[in-house]
C-alpha cells in the first residue's frame, strides 16, 4: 500500500489506507500485491481522465488496474481521488471531507476489483457493497 498526497491533501492517511485494505479483503481476497492511493487535485484528475479515458473533465475518482496483484510486491493498481471533488461532494452529501474521501476510495478500489455500475444490477451490487464497507469502516473507529 502506497499513498501519495498532493499539497492540501489530508496528512493523516491511516483511515484511507484502511479503506483500501478492507475493501480488498472483502472484494478481492486473493490480492496480495500493491495498490497506490493518490490524493490529488481536480486539475491532475482531469489530465488523467483526458489522457486515459478521452474525457476532458475532472471526475471524483479514477482506477487503473495494472496487474493481477497475486504476489506481494506485484502491482495491482492505482486509485486516484480528487480531494477537491471530495470537499465539494461532502457539502452536498452532508458528510465530512474525510468521510467522502473514504467513500470515494472504497468506490475506486471496488472498480480495481472488477465492480462496475454501468448496468442497473451491477450498480445495485456495487453500491450495496460500498454502503456495507463504509458502515463497517465507520464502526471500526
C-alpha atoms as a PDB file:
ATOM      1  CA  UNK A   1       0.000   0.000   0.000  1.00  0.00           C
ATOM      2  CA  UNK A   2       1.444   3.318  -1.084  1.00  0.00           C
ATOM      3  CA  UNK A   3      -0.113   6.739  -0.541  1.00  0.00           C
ATOM      4  CA  UNK A   4       0.806   9.852  -2.497  1.00  0.00           C
ATOM      5  CA  UNK A   5      -0.621  13.188  -1.397  1.00  0.00           C
ATOM      6  CA  UNK A   6      -0.873  16.480  -3.241  1.00  0.00           C
ATOM      7  CA  UNK A   7      -0.420  19.699  -1.312  1.00  0.00           C
ATOM      8  CA  UNK A   8      -3.576  20.353   0.699  1.00  0.00           C
ATOM      9  CA  UNK A   9      -4.482  16.661   0.971  1.00  0.00           C
ATOM     10  CA  UNK A  10      -5.056  15.320   4.482  1.00  0.00           C
ATOM     11  CA  UNK A  11      -1.836  14.428   6.283  1.00  0.00           C
ATOM     12  CA  UNK A  12      -3.377  11.579   8.285  1.00  0.00           C
ATOM     13  CA  UNK A  13      -3.855   8.763   5.790  1.00  0.00           C
ATOM     14  CA  UNK A  14      -4.412   5.735   8.052  1.00  0.00           C
ATOM     15  CA  UNK A  15      -8.244   5.746   7.603  1.00  0.00           C
ATOM     16  CA  UNK A  16      -7.803   5.869   3.834  1.00  0.00           C
ATOM     17  CA  UNK A  17      -5.268   3.042   3.805  1.00  0.00           C
ATOM     18  CA  UNK A  18      -7.621   1.006   5.999  1.00  0.00           C
ATOM     19  CA  UNK A  19     -10.453   1.639   3.487  1.00  0.00           C
ATOM     20  CA  UNK A  20      -8.347   0.233   0.632  1.00  0.00           C
ATOM     21  CA  UNK A  21      -7.175  -2.783   2.618  1.00  0.00           C
ATOM     22  CA  UNK A  22     -10.645  -3.665   3.958  1.00  0.00           C
ATOM     23  CA  UNK A  23     -12.213  -3.299   0.515  1.00  0.00           C
ATOM     24  CA  UNK A  24      -9.584  -5.595  -0.967  1.00  0.00           C
ATOM     25  CA  UNK A  25     -10.087  -8.133   1.838  1.00  0.00           C
ATOM     26  CA  UNK A  26     -13.816  -8.326   1.071  1.00  0.00           C
ATOM     27  CA  UNK A  27     -13.930  -7.847  -2.707  1.00  0.00           C
ATOM     28  CA  UNK A  28     -10.658  -9.462  -3.810  1.00  0.00           C
ATOM     29  CA  UNK A  29      -9.186 -11.560  -1.001  1.00  0.00           C
ATOM     30  CA  UNK A  30      -6.737 -13.184  -3.440  1.00  0.00           C
ATOM     31  CA  UNK A  31      -4.918  -9.872  -3.996  1.00  0.00           C
ATOM     32  CA  UNK A  32      -1.576  -9.622  -2.202  1.00  0.00           C
ATOM     33  CA  UNK A  33       0.003  -7.026  -4.473  1.00  0.00           C
ATOM     34  CA  UNK A  34       0.441  -3.288  -4.255  1.00  0.00           C
ATOM     35  CA  UNK A  35      -2.176  -0.581  -4.555  1.00  0.00           C
ATOM     36  CA  UNK A  36      -1.159   3.039  -4.776  1.00  0.00           C
ATOM     37  CA  UNK A  37      -3.631   5.588  -3.460  1.00  0.00           C
ATOM     38  CA  UNK A  38      -3.155   9.060  -4.917  1.00  0.00           C
ATOM     39  CA  UNK A  39      -4.896  12.004  -3.225  1.00  0.00           C
ATOM     40  CA  UNK A  40      -4.663  14.896  -5.656  1.00  0.00           C
ATOM     41  CA  UNK A  41      -6.399  17.864  -7.282  1.00  0.00           C
ATOM     42  CA  UNK A  42      -9.180  18.300  -9.832  1.00  0.00           C
ATOM     43  CA  UNK A  43      -6.592  19.513 -12.361  1.00  0.00           C
ATOM     44  CA  UNK A  44      -4.462  16.371 -12.024  1.00  0.00           C
ATOM     45  CA  UNK A  45      -7.508  14.086 -12.245  1.00  0.00           C
ATOM     46  CA  UNK A  46      -8.738  15.984 -15.290  1.00  0.00           C
ATOM     47  CA  UNK A  47      -5.407  15.430 -17.062  1.00  0.00           C
ATOM     48  CA  UNK A  48      -5.548  11.693 -16.308  1.00  0.00           C
ATOM     49  CA  UNK A  49      -9.202  11.473 -17.338  1.00  0.00           C
ATOM     50  CA  UNK A  50      -8.421  13.198 -20.657  1.00  0.00           C
ATOM     51  CA  UNK A  51      -5.342  11.083 -21.344  1.00  0.00           C
ATOM     52  CA  UNK A  52      -6.671   7.652 -20.396  1.00  0.00           C
ATOM     53  CA  UNK A  53     -10.436   7.923 -20.869  1.00  0.00           C
ATOM     54  CA  UNK A  54     -10.721  10.614 -23.539  1.00  0.00           C
ATOM     55  CA  UNK A  55     -12.901  12.750 -21.240  1.00  0.00           C
ATOM     56  CA  UNK A  56     -11.702  16.333 -20.829  1.00  0.00           C
ATOM     57  CA  UNK A  57     -13.312  16.916 -17.451  1.00  0.00           C
ATOM     58  CA  UNK A  58     -12.449  16.344 -13.826  1.00  0.00           C
ATOM     59  CA  UNK A  59     -14.066  13.462 -12.008  1.00  0.00           C
ATOM     60  CA  UNK A  60     -14.015  12.371  -8.393  1.00  0.00           C
ATOM     61  CA  UNK A  61     -12.145   9.049  -8.628  1.00  0.00           C
ATOM     62  CA  UNK A  62     -10.246   7.050 -11.233  1.00  0.00           C
ATOM     63  CA  UNK A  63      -8.969   3.488 -11.002  1.00  0.00           C
ATOM     64  CA  UNK A  64      -6.176   1.957 -13.045  1.00  0.00           C
ATOM     65  CA  UNK A  65      -5.601  -1.787 -12.906  1.00  0.00           C
ATOM     66  CA  UNK A  66      -2.004  -2.781 -13.638  1.00  0.00           C
ATOM     67  CA  UNK A  67      -1.824  -6.474 -12.967  1.00  0.00           C
ATOM     68  CA  UNK A  68      -3.100  -9.475 -11.079  1.00  0.00           C
ATOM     69  CA  UNK A  69      -1.601  -8.423  -7.757  1.00  0.00           C
ATOM     70  CA  UNK A  70      -1.445 -12.088  -6.791  1.00  0.00           C
ATOM     71  CA  UNK A  71       2.010 -11.816  -5.221  1.00  0.00           C
ATOM     72  CA  UNK A  72       3.345  -9.457  -2.566  1.00  0.00           C
ATOM     73  CA  UNK A  73       5.034  -6.549  -4.327  1.00  0.00           C
ATOM     74  CA  UNK A  74       3.319  -7.204  -7.646  1.00  0.00           C
ATOM     75  CA  UNK A  75       1.358  -4.191  -8.901  1.00  0.00           C
ATOM     76  CA  UNK A  76      -2.420  -4.427  -8.700  1.00  0.00           C
ATOM     77  CA  UNK A  77      -3.438  -0.856  -9.449  1.00  0.00           C
ATOM     78  CA  UNK A  78      -3.844   2.793  -8.585  1.00  0.00           C
ATOM     79  CA  UNK A  79      -6.813   4.625  -7.104  1.00  0.00           C
ATOM     80  CA  UNK A  80      -6.665   8.359  -7.831  1.00  0.00           C
ATOM     81  CA  UNK A  81      -9.012  10.608  -5.853  1.00  0.00           C
ATOM     82  CA  UNK A  82      -9.660  14.312  -6.301  1.00  0.00           C
ATOM     83  CA  UNK A  83      -9.551  15.902  -2.853  1.00  0.00           C
ATOM     84  CA  UNK A  84     -11.216  18.974  -4.413  1.00  0.00           C
ATOM     85  CA  UNK A  85     -14.174  16.878  -5.575  1.00  0.00           C
ATOM     86  CA  UNK A  86     -14.385  15.139  -2.198  1.00  0.00           C
ATOM     87  CA  UNK A  87     -14.651  18.508  -0.441  1.00  0.00           C
ATOM     88  CA  UNK A  88     -17.426  19.677  -2.779  1.00  0.00           C
ATOM     89  CA  UNK A  89     -19.342  16.420  -2.582  1.00  0.00           C
ATOM     90  CA  UNK A  90     -19.014  16.278   1.201  1.00  0.00           C
ATOM     91  CA  UNK A  91     -21.018  19.505   1.406  1.00  0.00           C
ATOM     92  CA  UNK A  92     -23.629  18.098  -0.990  1.00  0.00           C
ATOM     93  CA  UNK A  93     -23.933  14.840   0.989  1.00  0.00           C
ATOM     94  CA  UNK A  94     -23.770  16.438   4.455  1.00  0.00           C
ATOM     95  CA  UNK A  95     -20.595  14.498   5.230  1.00  0.00           C
ATOM     96  CA  UNK A  96     -17.116  15.461   6.320  1.00  0.00           C
ATOM     97  CA  UNK A  97     -14.407  15.633   3.640  1.00  0.00           C
ATOM     98  CA  UNK A  98     -12.726  12.640   5.291  1.00  0.00           C
ATOM     99  CA  UNK A  99     -15.952  10.594   5.125  1.00  0.00           C
ATOM    100  CA  UNK A 100     -16.359  11.456   1.459  1.00  0.00           C
ATOM    101  CA  UNK A 101     -12.740  10.538   0.750  1.00  0.00           C
ATOM    102  CA  UNK A 102     -13.345   7.124   2.338  1.00  0.00           C
ATOM    103  CA  UNK A 103     -16.457   6.635   0.184  1.00  0.00           C
ATOM    104  CA  UNK A 104     -14.551   7.525  -2.981  1.00  0.00           C
ATOM    105  CA  UNK A 105     -11.625   5.298  -2.015  1.00  0.00           C
ATOM    106  CA  UNK A 106     -13.925   2.328  -1.415  1.00  0.00           C
ATOM    107  CA  UNK A 107     -15.672   3.040  -4.730  1.00  0.00           C
ATOM    108  CA  UNK A 108     -12.387   3.287  -6.642  1.00  0.00           C
ATOM    109  CA  UNK A 109     -10.965   0.176  -5.010  1.00  0.00           C
ATOM    110  CA  UNK A 110     -14.104  -1.768  -5.932  1.00  0.00           C
ATOM    111  CA  UNK A 111     -13.523  -0.718  -9.547  1.00  0.00           C
ATOM    112  CA  UNK A 112      -9.998  -2.185  -9.297  1.00  0.00           C
ATOM    113  CA  UNK A 113     -11.620  -5.421  -8.110  1.00  0.00           C
ATOM    114  CA  UNK A 114     -13.820  -5.594 -11.211  1.00  0.00           C
ATOM    115  CA  UNK A 115     -17.009  -3.984  -9.903  1.00  0.00           C
ATOM    116  CA  UNK A 116     -18.890  -1.577 -12.131  1.00  0.00           C
ATOM    117  CA  UNK A 117     -22.072   0.465 -12.173  1.00  0.00           C
ATOM    118  CA  UNK A 118     -22.993   0.764 -15.831  1.00  0.00           C
ATOM    119  CA  UNK A 119     -25.874  -1.690 -15.670  1.00  0.00           C
ATOM    120  CA  UNK A 120     -28.623  -1.460 -13.048  1.00  0.00           C
ATOM    121  CA  UNK A 121     -27.920  -4.855 -11.473  1.00  0.00           C
ATOM    122  CA  UNK A 122     -24.153  -4.236 -11.301  1.00  0.00           C
ATOM    123  CA  UNK A 123     -24.746  -0.776  -9.857  1.00  0.00           C
ATOM    124  CA  UNK A 124     -27.022  -2.130  -7.117  1.00  0.00           C
ATOM    125  CA  UNK A 125     -24.427  -4.756  -6.210  1.00  0.00           C
ATOM    126  CA  UNK A 126     -21.557  -2.246  -6.169  1.00  0.00           C
ATOM    127  CA  UNK A 127     -23.431   0.456  -4.240  1.00  0.00           C
ATOM    128  CA  UNK A 128     -24.720  -2.083  -1.727  1.00  0.00           C
ATOM    129  CA  UNK A 129     -21.203  -3.331  -1.053  1.00  0.00           C
ATOM    130  CA  UNK A 130     -19.946   0.257  -0.834  1.00  0.00           C
ATOM    131  CA  UNK A 131     -22.558   1.060   1.834  1.00  0.00           C
ATOM    132  CA  UNK A 132     -21.727  -2.118   3.760  1.00  0.00           C
ATOM    133  CA  UNK A 133     -17.993  -1.409   3.734  1.00  0.00           C
ATOM    134  CA  UNK A 134     -18.440   2.220   4.775  1.00  0.00           C
ATOM    135  CA  UNK A 135     -20.712   1.197   7.639  1.00  0.00           C
ATOM    136  CA  UNK A 136     -18.132  -1.378   8.733  1.00  0.00           C
ATOM    137  CA  UNK A 137     -15.255   1.095   8.473  1.00  0.00           C
ATOM    138  CA  UNK A 138     -17.179   3.714  10.443  1.00  0.00           C
ATOM    139  CA  UNK A 139     -17.989   1.249  13.218  1.00  0.00           C
ATOM    140  CA  UNK A 140     -14.316   0.220  13.474  1.00  0.00           C
ATOM    141  CA  UNK A 141     -13.410   3.739  14.524  1.00  0.00           C
END
